[in-house]
Amino acid sequence: MPSKSTQALEETIAMLSDHLSELHGSMEQWHDSLAAAVSDIQQHLATAPADAAPGALAYKRFHIGHHFRPEKYSG
């Protein structure tokens, strides 16, 4: 049977491993959301008329905000 300190260390390592796995999953989701937002913006800018450029910046701000803070930009 391992000592109490060894057991506590193993539990701490397991807990940290779980937290890192969760963080990695969250980072992957954030990356996917950011990639989708960038893709949408690029597509919008590629199809926008040349004289619509000033409005494109406002659109980018709204669209990125909508992806990452939907509660602020909804309704």
N, C-alpha and C. Protein backbone atom coordinates (compact mmCIF):
# COMPACT_ATOMS: atom_id res chain seq x y z
N MET A 1 0.85 -1.18 0.00
CA MET A 1 0.00 0.00 0.00
C MET A 1 0.90 1.25 0.00
N PRO A 2 0.61 2.20 -0.91
CA PRO A 2 1.44 3.40 -0.97
C PRO A 2 1.24 4.28 0.26
N SER A 3 2.24 5.08 0.53
CA SER A 3 2.13 5.99 1.68
C SER A 3 1.06 7.05 1.39
N LYS A 4 0.64 7.72 2.47
CA LYS A 4 -0.40 8.75 2.32
C LYS A 4 0.06 9.88 1.40
N SER A 5 1.32 10.26 1.52
CA SER A 5 1.81 11.36 0.68
C SER A 5 1.88 10.94 -0.79
N THR A 6 2.25 9.69 -1.05
CA THR A 6 2.29 9.19 -2.42
C THR A 6 0.88 9.12 -2.99
N GLN A 7 -0.05 8.64 -2.19
CA GLN A 7 -1.44 8.55 -2.62
C GLN A 7 -2.02 9.95 -2.90
N ALA A 8 -1.71 10.90 -2.02
CA ALA A 8 -2.19 12.27 -2.21
C ALA A 8 -1.60 12.87 -3.48
N LEU A 9 -0.33 12.60 -3.73
CA LEU A 9 0.33 13.10 -4.93
C LEU A 9 -0.31 12.49 -6.18
N GLU A 10 -0.59 11.20 -6.15
CA GLU A 10 -1.23 10.53 -7.29
C GLU A 10 -2.62 11.10 -7.54
N GLU A 11 -3.37 11.38 -6.48
CA GLU A 11 -4.70 11.97 -6.63
C GLU A 11 -4.61 13.37 -7.21
N THR A 12 -3.63 14.14 -6.76
CA THR A 12 -3.44 15.49 -7.28
C THR A 12 -3.08 15.44 -8.76
N ILE A 13 -2.20 14.53 -9.14
CA ILE A 13 -1.82 14.38 -10.54
C ILE A 13 -3.02 13.99 -11.39
N ALA A 14 -3.84 13.07 -10.89
CA ALA A 14 -5.04 12.65 -11.62
C ALA A 14 -6.01 13.83 -11.78
N MET A 15 -6.18 14.62 -10.72
CA MET A 15 -7.07 15.77 -10.77
C MET A 15 -6.55 16.79 -11.79
N LEU A 16 -5.25 17.07 -11.76
CA LEU A 16 -4.67 18.02 -12.71
C LEU A 16 -4.81 17.51 -14.14
N SER A 17 -4.63 16.24 -14.33
CA SER A 17 -4.79 15.64 -15.66
C SER A 17 -6.21 15.83 -16.17
N ASP A 18 -7.19 15.61 -15.29
CA ASP A 18 -8.59 15.82 -15.68
C ASP A 18 -8.85 17.27 -16.05
N HIS A 19 -8.33 18.19 -15.25
CA HIS A 19 -8.53 19.62 -15.53
C HIS A 19 -7.87 20.01 -16.85
N LEU A 20 -6.68 19.49 -17.11
CA LEU A 20 -6.00 19.79 -18.36
C LEU A 20 -6.78 19.24 -19.55
N SER A 21 -7.35 18.07 -19.41
CA SER A 21 -8.17 17.50 -20.48
C SER A 21 -9.38 18.38 -20.76
N GLU A 22 -10.05 18.85 -19.71
CA GLU A 22 -11.20 19.74 -19.87
C GLU A 22 -10.78 21.05 -20.54
N LEU A 23 -9.66 21.60 -20.10
CA LEU A 23 -9.16 22.84 -20.67
C LEU A 23 -8.84 22.66 -22.15
N HIS A 24 -8.21 21.55 -22.49
CA HIS A 24 -7.88 21.26 -23.88
C HIS A 24 -9.15 21.19 -24.72
N GLY A 25 -10.17 20.53 -24.21
CA GLY A 25 -11.45 20.45 -24.92
C GLY A 25 -12.06 21.82 -25.12
N SER A 26 -12.00 22.66 -24.09
CA SER A 26 -12.54 24.02 -24.20
C SER A 26 -11.76 24.84 -25.22
N MET A 27 -10.45 24.68 -25.22
CA MET A 27 -9.62 25.41 -26.18
C MET A 27 -9.93 24.96 -27.61
N GLU A 28 -10.16 23.67 -27.81
CA GLU A 28 -10.51 23.18 -29.14
C GLU A 28 -11.84 23.77 -29.60
N GLN A 29 -12.82 23.84 -28.69
CA GLN A 29 -14.12 24.42 -29.04
C GLN A 29 -13.96 25.90 -29.38
N TRP A 30 -13.17 26.62 -28.59
CA TRP A 30 -12.93 28.04 -28.84
C TRP A 30 -12.26 28.22 -30.19
N HIS A 31 -11.26 27.38 -30.47
CA HIS A 31 -10.56 27.46 -31.75
C HIS A 31 -11.52 27.22 -32.91
N ASP A 32 -12.38 26.21 -32.77
CA ASP A 32 -13.35 25.91 -33.83
C ASP A 32 -14.31 27.08 -34.04
N SER A 33 -14.75 27.69 -32.94
CA SER A 33 -15.65 28.85 -33.05
C SER A 33 -14.96 30.03 -33.71
N LEU A 34 -13.72 30.26 -33.34
CA LEU A 34 -12.96 31.35 -33.94
C LEU A 34 -12.73 31.09 -35.42
N ALA A 35 -12.38 29.87 -35.78
CA ALA A 35 -12.17 29.52 -37.18
C ALA A 35 -13.46 29.72 -37.98
N ALA A 36 -14.59 29.34 -37.41
CA ALA A 36 -15.88 29.53 -38.09
C ALA A 36 -16.18 31.01 -38.27
N ALA A 37 -15.91 31.81 -37.25
CA ALA A 37 -16.15 33.26 -37.34
C ALA A 37 -15.27 33.88 -38.42
N VAL A 38 -14.01 33.52 -38.44
CA VAL A 38 -13.09 34.05 -39.45
C VAL A 38 -13.54 33.64 -40.84
N SER A 39 -13.92 32.40 -41.00
CA SER A 39 -14.39 31.91 -42.30
C SER A 39 -15.63 32.68 -42.75
N ASP A 40 -16.58 32.88 -41.85
CA ASP A 40 -17.79 33.64 -42.19
C ASP A 40 -17.45 35.07 -42.59
N ILE A 41 -16.54 35.69 -41.87
CA ILE A 41 -16.15 37.07 -42.17
C ILE A 41 -15.45 37.13 -43.53
N GLN A 42 -14.54 36.19 -43.78
CA GLN A 42 -13.85 36.17 -45.07
C GLN A 42 -14.84 35.98 -46.21
N GLN A 43 -15.80 35.10 -46.02
CA GLN A 43 -16.80 34.86 -47.05
C GLN A 43 -17.64 36.12 -47.27
N HIS A 44 -18.03 36.76 -46.19
CA HIS A 44 -18.82 37.99 -46.32
C HIS A 44 -18.03 39.07 -47.04
N LEU A 45 -16.77 39.25 -46.67
CA LEU A 45 -15.96 40.29 -47.30
C LEU A 45 -15.70 39.99 -48.77
N ALA A 46 -15.56 38.71 -49.10
CA ALA A 46 -15.31 38.33 -50.49
C ALA A 46 -16.52 38.60 -51.38
N THR A 47 -17.71 38.57 -50.80
CA THR A 47 -18.92 38.76 -51.60
C THR A 47 -19.53 40.15 -51.42
N ALA A 48 -18.96 40.96 -50.55
CA ALA A 48 -19.50 42.30 -50.30
C ALA A 48 -19.11 43.23 -51.44
N PRO A 49 -19.98 44.15 -51.80
CA PRO A 49 -19.62 45.14 -52.82
C PRO A 49 -18.47 46.02 -52.33
N ALA A 50 -17.69 46.53 -53.25
CA ALA A 50 -16.51 47.32 -52.89
C ALA A 50 -16.88 48.55 -52.06
N ASP A 51 -18.02 49.15 -52.33
CA ASP A 51 -18.40 50.36 -51.60
C ASP A 51 -19.00 50.06 -50.22
N ALA A 52 -19.08 48.79 -49.85
CA ALA A 52 -19.62 48.41 -48.55
C ALA A 52 -18.52 48.25 -47.50
N ALA A 53 -17.29 48.58 -47.85
CA ALA A 53 -16.16 48.36 -46.94
C ALA A 53 -16.33 49.02 -45.57
N PRO A 54 -16.81 50.27 -45.46
CA PRO A 54 -16.96 50.85 -44.11
C PRO A 54 -17.89 50.03 -43.22
N GLY A 55 -18.93 49.45 -43.77
CA GLY A 55 -19.84 48.64 -42.99
C GLY A 55 -19.27 47.29 -42.62
N ALA A 56 -18.24 46.86 -43.35
CA ALA A 56 -17.66 45.54 -43.10
C ALA A 56 -17.04 45.47 -41.70
N LEU A 57 -16.43 46.56 -41.26
CA LEU A 57 -15.81 46.56 -39.93
C LEU A 57 -16.87 46.39 -38.84
N ALA A 58 -17.97 47.09 -38.97
CA ALA A 58 -19.06 46.93 -38.00
C ALA A 58 -19.59 45.51 -38.03
N TYR A 59 -19.70 44.95 -39.22
CA TYR A 59 -20.17 43.57 -39.35
C TYR A 59 -19.21 42.62 -38.65
N LYS A 60 -17.91 42.82 -38.85
CA LYS A 60 -16.92 41.94 -38.21
C LYS A 60 -17.06 42.01 -36.70
N ARG A 61 -17.18 43.21 -36.16
CA ARG A 61 -17.32 43.35 -34.70
C ARG A 61 -18.55 42.61 -34.20
N PHE A 62 -19.67 42.80 -34.90
CA PHE A 62 -20.90 42.14 -34.49
C PHE A 62 -20.76 40.63 -34.60
N HIS A 63 -20.23 40.17 -35.72
CA HIS A 63 -20.19 38.73 -35.97
C HIS A 63 -19.26 38.02 -34.99
N ILE A 64 -18.10 38.59 -34.73
CA ILE A 64 -17.18 37.98 -33.77
C ILE A 64 -17.82 38.01 -32.38
N GLY A 65 -18.42 39.13 -32.01
CA GLY A 65 -19.09 39.22 -30.72
C GLY A 65 -20.21 38.22 -30.59
N HIS A 66 -20.95 38.01 -31.68
CA HIS A 66 -22.06 37.06 -31.66
C HIS A 66 -21.57 35.64 -31.40
N HIS A 67 -20.40 35.30 -31.94
CA HIS A 67 -19.85 33.96 -31.72
C HIS A 67 -19.40 33.76 -30.27
N PHE A 68 -18.80 34.79 -29.68
CA PHE A 68 -18.18 34.60 -28.38
C PHE A 68 -18.95 35.19 -27.20
N ARG A 69 -19.91 36.06 -27.48
CA ARG A 69 -20.75 36.62 -26.42
C ARG A 69 -22.18 36.72 -26.92
N PRO A 70 -22.80 35.58 -27.22
CA PRO A 70 -24.14 35.62 -27.81
C PRO A 70 -25.17 36.32 -26.93
N GLU A 71 -24.98 36.28 -25.61
CA GLU A 71 -25.95 36.93 -24.73
C GLU A 71 -25.98 38.44 -24.94
N LYS A 72 -24.86 39.02 -25.33
CA LYS A 72 -24.78 40.47 -25.55
C LYS A 72 -25.37 40.86 -26.90
N TYR A 73 -25.23 39.98 -27.89
CA TYR A 73 -25.61 40.34 -29.25
C TYR A 73 -26.91 39.72 -29.72
N SER A 74 -27.58 38.96 -28.88
CA SER A 74 -28.83 38.34 -29.32
C SER A 74 -30.00 39.28 -29.08
N GLY A 75 -31.03 39.10 -29.90
CA GLY A 75 -32.28 39.83 -29.74
C GLY A 75 -32.11 41.28 -29.72
